[in-house]
Amino acid sequence: MVRIRKIVLRNKITNNTMDSLDDSYKILDTECFAHVTAVSGYQAQINLVGKQYESLFVARIKGYRKANSIVLDNKEYEIIQVRYHGITRTDIYFGNKGSDENVLE
């Protein structure tokens, strides 16, 4: 499924410009429109990012953009990889890993 969708680029901005020990941050949300593609299939995900995810998406955004996470349909996803194509386009790969039963705690 491919279409133009509204996404929110979420950035964490630290407040340590005055005090280097201050770890507090504020969250800045920027809404934009992106060409969002869902990547399905184990081999396609391995070929793109090297791992398999529960859900994986690619957002193609005009311009040079940065983010710490992405909100799509009121769900927050982690950013897996960002690819910049000059100053004209940014490709952001995002998704969630889901549950992994074999993780050592």
N, C-alpha and C. Protein backbone atom coordinates (compact mmCIF):
# COMPACT_ATOMS: atom_id res chain seq x y z
N MET A 1 0.85 -1.17 0.00
CA MET A 1 0.00 0.00 0.00
C MET A 1 0.90 1.24 0.00
N VAL A 2 0.72 2.06 -1.00
CA VAL A 2 1.54 3.26 -1.16
C VAL A 2 0.61 4.45 -1.30
N ARG A 3 0.89 5.50 -0.51
CA ARG A 3 0.12 6.72 -0.66
C ARG A 3 0.76 7.85 0.12
N ILE A 4 0.29 9.04 -0.16
CA ILE A 4 0.75 10.22 0.55
C ILE A 4 -0.01 10.29 1.87
N ARG A 5 0.75 10.35 2.98
CA ARG A 5 0.13 10.36 4.29
C ARG A 5 0.76 11.43 5.16
N LYS A 6 0.00 11.88 6.14
CA LYS A 6 0.52 12.84 7.10
C LYS A 6 1.23 12.08 8.21
N ILE A 7 2.50 12.44 8.45
CA ILE A 7 3.27 11.85 9.53
C ILE A 7 3.79 12.97 10.43
N VAL A 8 4.21 12.61 11.62
CA VAL A 8 4.77 13.57 12.57
C VAL A 8 6.21 13.17 12.84
N LEU A 9 7.13 14.08 12.58
CA LEU A 9 8.53 13.87 12.90
C LEU A 9 8.76 14.38 14.32
N ARG A 10 9.17 13.49 15.23
CA ARG A 10 9.34 13.85 16.64
C ARG A 10 10.82 13.96 16.95
N ASN A 11 11.24 15.13 17.41
CA ASN A 11 12.63 15.40 17.77
C ASN A 11 12.73 15.66 19.26
N LYS A 12 13.76 15.10 19.89
CA LYS A 12 14.07 15.39 21.29
C LYS A 12 15.18 16.42 21.31
N ILE A 13 14.90 17.58 21.89
CA ILE A 13 15.88 18.65 21.97
C ILE A 13 16.31 18.79 23.42
N THR A 14 17.60 18.58 23.67
CA THR A 14 18.10 18.65 25.04
C THR A 14 18.27 20.10 25.46
N ASN A 15 18.16 20.32 26.76
CA ASN A 15 18.27 21.66 27.32
C ASN A 15 19.62 21.89 27.96
N ASN A 16 20.67 21.24 27.48
CA ASN A 16 21.97 21.35 28.14
C ASN A 16 22.88 22.39 27.51
N THR A 17 22.34 23.42 26.91
CA THR A 17 23.19 24.46 26.34
C THR A 17 23.79 25.34 27.43
N MET A 18 23.07 25.57 28.51
CA MET A 18 23.58 26.39 29.60
C MET A 18 24.30 25.56 30.66
N ASP A 19 23.77 24.38 30.95
CA ASP A 19 24.34 23.53 31.99
C ASP A 19 24.58 22.15 31.39
N SER A 20 25.82 21.70 31.39
CA SER A 20 26.13 20.43 30.75
C SER A 20 25.61 19.23 31.54
N LEU A 21 25.20 19.42 32.77
CA LEU A 21 24.66 18.33 33.58
C LEU A 21 23.15 18.21 33.48
N ASP A 22 22.53 19.12 32.77
CA ASP A 22 21.07 19.11 32.62
C ASP A 22 20.69 18.13 31.52
N ASP A 23 20.01 17.05 31.90
CA ASP A 23 19.61 16.02 30.93
C ASP A 23 18.16 16.16 30.50
N SER A 24 17.50 17.23 30.89
CA SER A 24 16.10 17.37 30.51
C SER A 24 16.00 17.70 29.02
N TYR A 25 14.85 17.42 28.47
CA TYR A 25 14.64 17.66 27.05
C TYR A 25 13.19 18.05 26.81
N LYS A 26 12.97 18.64 25.66
CA LYS A 26 11.61 18.92 25.24
C LYS A 26 11.41 18.24 23.90
N ILE A 27 10.17 17.96 23.59
CA ILE A 27 9.84 17.25 22.36
C ILE A 27 9.23 18.23 21.38
N LEU A 28 9.77 18.24 20.18
CA LEU A 28 9.29 19.11 19.12
C LEU A 28 8.69 18.24 18.02
N ASP A 29 7.40 18.43 17.75
CA ASP A 29 6.70 17.67 16.71
C ASP A 29 6.53 18.53 15.47
N THR A 30 6.85 17.94 14.32
CA THR A 30 6.69 18.63 13.04
C THR A 30 5.85 17.75 12.13
N GLU A 31 4.72 18.27 11.69
CA GLU A 31 3.87 17.52 10.77
C GLU A 31 4.33 17.75 9.34
N CYS A 32 4.31 16.69 8.55
CA CYS A 32 4.64 16.82 7.14
C CYS A 32 3.95 15.70 6.37
N PHE A 33 3.92 15.84 5.07
CA PHE A 33 3.37 14.81 4.21
C PHE A 33 4.50 14.01 3.61
N ALA A 34 4.31 12.69 3.54
CA ALA A 34 5.35 11.81 3.03
C ALA A 34 4.72 10.71 2.19
N HIS A 35 5.50 10.19 1.30
CA HIS A 35 5.13 9.04 0.49
C HIS A 35 5.51 7.81 1.30
N VAL A 36 4.51 7.14 1.92
CA VAL A 36 4.76 6.05 2.86
C VAL A 36 4.48 4.72 2.18
N THR A 37 5.45 3.80 2.28
CA THR A 37 5.34 2.47 1.72
C THR A 37 5.57 1.45 2.82
N ALA A 38 4.67 0.47 2.93
CA ALA A 38 4.86 -0.62 3.88
C ALA A 38 5.71 -1.70 3.22
N VAL A 39 6.73 -2.17 3.93
CA VAL A 39 7.60 -3.22 3.40
C VAL A 39 7.19 -4.52 4.06
N SER A 40 6.69 -5.43 3.27
CA SER A 40 6.29 -6.72 3.81
C SER A 40 7.16 -7.81 3.19
N GLY A 41 7.32 -8.86 3.93
CA GLY A 41 8.14 -9.97 3.45
C GLY A 41 9.49 -10.00 4.13
N TYR A 42 9.88 -11.17 4.57
CA TYR A 42 11.12 -11.35 5.29
C TYR A 42 12.32 -10.96 4.44
N GLN A 43 12.40 -11.45 3.24
CA GLN A 43 13.58 -11.20 2.41
C GLN A 43 13.70 -9.73 2.00
N ALA A 44 12.58 -9.07 1.75
CA ALA A 44 12.62 -7.66 1.39
C ALA A 44 13.14 -6.82 2.55
N GLN A 45 12.74 -7.14 3.78
CA GLN A 45 13.23 -6.41 4.94
C GLN A 45 14.71 -6.67 5.17
N ILE A 46 15.15 -7.92 5.00
CA ILE A 46 16.56 -8.25 5.15
C ILE A 46 17.40 -7.49 4.12
N ASN A 47 16.92 -7.41 2.88
CA ASN A 47 17.66 -6.72 1.82
C ASN A 47 17.75 -5.21 2.09
N LEU A 48 16.73 -4.62 2.70
CA LEU A 48 16.73 -3.17 2.93
C LEU A 48 17.53 -2.76 4.16
N VAL A 49 17.26 -3.38 5.31
CA VAL A 49 17.87 -2.91 6.56
C VAL A 49 18.65 -3.98 7.31
N GLY A 50 18.65 -5.20 6.85
CA GLY A 50 19.47 -6.24 7.46
C GLY A 50 18.82 -6.99 8.60
N LYS A 51 17.59 -6.67 8.98
CA LYS A 51 16.88 -7.36 10.05
C LYS A 51 15.42 -7.51 9.66
N GLN A 52 14.73 -8.37 10.40
CA GLN A 52 13.30 -8.51 10.19
C GLN A 52 12.56 -7.79 11.31
N TYR A 53 11.53 -7.05 10.94
CA TYR A 53 10.73 -6.30 11.89
C TYR A 53 9.28 -6.73 11.80
N GLU A 54 8.54 -6.47 12.88
CA GLU A 54 7.11 -6.78 12.86
C GLU A 54 6.40 -5.94 11.81
N SER A 55 6.72 -4.66 11.79
CA SER A 55 6.21 -3.78 10.74
C SER A 55 7.33 -2.83 10.34
N LEU A 56 7.48 -2.62 9.06
CA LEU A 56 8.54 -1.77 8.52
C LEU A 56 7.94 -0.87 7.45
N PHE A 57 8.27 0.41 7.53
CA PHE A 57 7.76 1.39 6.58
C PHE A 57 8.91 2.22 6.04
N VAL A 58 8.71 2.78 4.86
CA VAL A 58 9.65 3.73 4.27
C VAL A 58 8.88 5.01 4.00
N ALA A 59 9.38 6.12 4.54
CA ALA A 59 8.77 7.44 4.30
C ALA A 59 9.73 8.25 3.45
N ARG A 60 9.26 8.68 2.29
CA ARG A 60 10.06 9.53 1.40
C ARG A 60 9.53 10.96 1.52
N ILE A 61 10.41 11.83 2.03
CA ILE A 61 10.01 13.20 2.34
C ILE A 61 10.83 14.16 1.51
N LYS A 62 10.21 15.20 1.00
CA LYS A 62 10.95 16.22 0.25
C LYS A 62 11.78 17.04 1.22
N GLY A 63 13.00 17.31 0.84
CA GLY A 63 13.88 18.14 1.65
C GLY A 63 14.75 17.34 2.59
N TYR A 64 15.54 18.05 3.37
CA TYR A 64 16.47 17.47 4.32
C TYR A 64 15.81 17.49 5.69
N ARG A 65 15.46 16.32 6.24
CA ARG A 65 14.73 16.25 7.51
C ARG A 65 15.47 15.35 8.49
N LYS A 66 15.31 15.66 9.78
CA LYS A 66 15.86 14.85 10.86
C LYS A 66 14.75 14.55 11.86
N ALA A 67 14.86 13.39 12.53
CA ALA A 67 13.88 13.02 13.55
C ALA A 67 14.47 11.94 14.45
N ASN A 68 13.92 11.85 15.67
CA ASN A 68 14.29 10.77 16.58
C ASN A 68 13.29 9.64 16.55
N SER A 69 12.05 9.95 16.22
CA SER A 69 11.01 8.94 16.05
C SER A 69 9.93 9.51 15.14
N ILE A 70 9.04 8.62 14.69
CA ILE A 70 7.97 9.03 13.77
C ILE A 70 6.64 8.55 14.32
N VAL A 71 5.64 9.41 14.21
CA VAL A 71 4.28 9.05 14.62
C VAL A 71 3.44 8.92 13.36
N LEU A 72 2.85 7.73 13.19
CA LEU A 72 1.99 7.44 12.04
C LEU A 72 0.73 6.78 12.58
N ASP A 73 -0.41 7.34 12.29
CA ASP A 73 -1.70 6.83 12.77
C ASP A 73 -1.73 6.68 14.28
N ASN A 74 -1.25 7.69 14.99
CA ASN A 74 -1.22 7.76 16.46
C ASN A 74 -0.39 6.66 17.10
N LYS A 75 0.54 6.05 16.37
CA LYS A 75 1.48 5.08 16.92
C LYS A 75 2.89 5.61 16.69
N GLU A 76 3.72 5.53 17.72
CA GLU A 76 5.08 6.01 17.61
C GLU A 76 6.00 4.85 17.22
N TYR A 77 6.82 5.09 16.19
CA TYR A 77 7.74 4.08 15.69
C TYR A 77 9.17 4.58 15.83
N GLU A 78 10.09 3.64 16.03
CA GLU A 78 11.50 4.00 16.09
C GLU A 78 12.08 4.10 14.69
N ILE A 79 13.06 4.96 14.55
CA ILE A 79 13.72 5.13 13.26
C ILE A 79 14.84 4.11 13.16
N ILE A 80 14.85 3.37 12.08
CA ILE A 80 15.84 2.33 11.87
C ILE A 80 17.02 2.85 11.07
N GLN A 81 16.71 3.60 10.02
CA GLN A 81 17.77 4.09 9.14
C GLN A 81 17.28 5.35 8.41
N VAL A 82 18.22 6.26 8.17
CA VAL A 82 17.91 7.49 7.42
C VAL A 82 18.88 7.58 6.27
N ARG A 83 18.36 7.83 5.08
CA ARG A 83 19.19 8.00 3.89
C ARG A 83 18.86 9.36 3.27
N TYR A 84 19.91 10.16 3.08
CA TYR A 84 19.74 11.48 2.48
C TYR A 84 20.15 11.42 1.02
N HIS A 85 19.34 12.00 0.17
CA HIS A 85 19.63 12.08 -1.27
C HIS A 85 19.81 13.55 -1.61
N GLY A 86 21.01 14.04 -1.33
CA GLY A 86 21.28 15.45 -1.56
C GLY A 86 20.42 16.30 -0.66
N ILE A 87 19.95 17.41 -1.18
CA ILE A 87 19.05 18.26 -0.41
C ILE A 87 17.61 18.13 -0.90
N THR A 88 17.39 17.19 -1.82
CA THR A 88 16.07 17.10 -2.42
C THR A 88 15.14 16.10 -1.74
N ARG A 89 15.69 15.04 -1.14
CA ARG A 89 14.81 14.01 -0.58
C ARG A 89 15.49 13.30 0.58
N THR A 90 14.67 12.89 1.55
CA THR A 90 15.12 12.09 2.68
C THR A 90 14.27 10.83 2.74
N ASP A 91 14.92 9.68 2.83
CA ASP A 91 14.23 8.41 3.02
C ASP A 91 14.44 7.97 4.45
N ILE A 92 13.34 7.76 5.18
CA ILE A 92 13.42 7.33 6.57
C ILE A 92 12.76 5.96 6.67
N TYR A 93 13.54 4.99 7.15
CA TYR A 93 13.04 3.65 7.38
C TYR A 93 12.67 3.56 8.85
N PHE A 94 11.42 3.21 9.14
CA PHE A 94 10.97 3.15 10.53
C PHE A 94 10.03 1.97 10.72
N GLY A 95 9.94 1.52 11.97
CA GLY A 95 9.08 0.39 12.29
C GLY A 95 9.22 0.01 13.74
N ASN A 96 8.66 -1.15 14.07
CA ASN A 96 8.84 -1.67 15.43
C ASN A 96 9.28 -3.12 15.35
N LYS A 97 10.07 -3.51 16.34
CA LYS A 97 10.66 -4.84 16.35
C LYS A 97 9.68 -5.90 16.79
N GLY A 98 8.71 -5.54 17.59
CA GLY A 98 7.78 -6.53 18.11
C GLY A 98 8.40 -7.27 19.27
N SER A 99 7.85 -8.41 19.62
CA SER A 99 8.38 -9.17 20.75
C SER A 99 9.36 -10.21 20.25
N ASP A 100 10.48 -10.31 20.94
CA ASP A 100 11.49 -11.31 20.63
C ASP A 100 11.58 -12.24 21.83
N GLU A 101 11.23 -13.49 21.64
CA GLU A 101 11.19 -14.43 22.76
C GLU A 101 12.58 -14.87 23.19
N ASN A 102 13.58 -14.73 22.35
CA ASN A 102 14.91 -15.25 22.66
C ASN A 102 15.86 -14.18 23.19
N VAL A 103 15.34 -13.06 23.65
CA VAL A 103 16.19 -11.98 24.15
C VAL A 103 16.67 -12.33 25.56
N LEU A 104 17.95 -12.19 25.81
CA LEU A 104 18.51 -12.42 27.14
C LEU A 104 18.33 -11.15 27.96
N GLU A 105 17.85 -11.29 29.16
CA GLU A 105 17.63 -10.11 30.01
C GLU A 105 18.72 -9.97 31.03
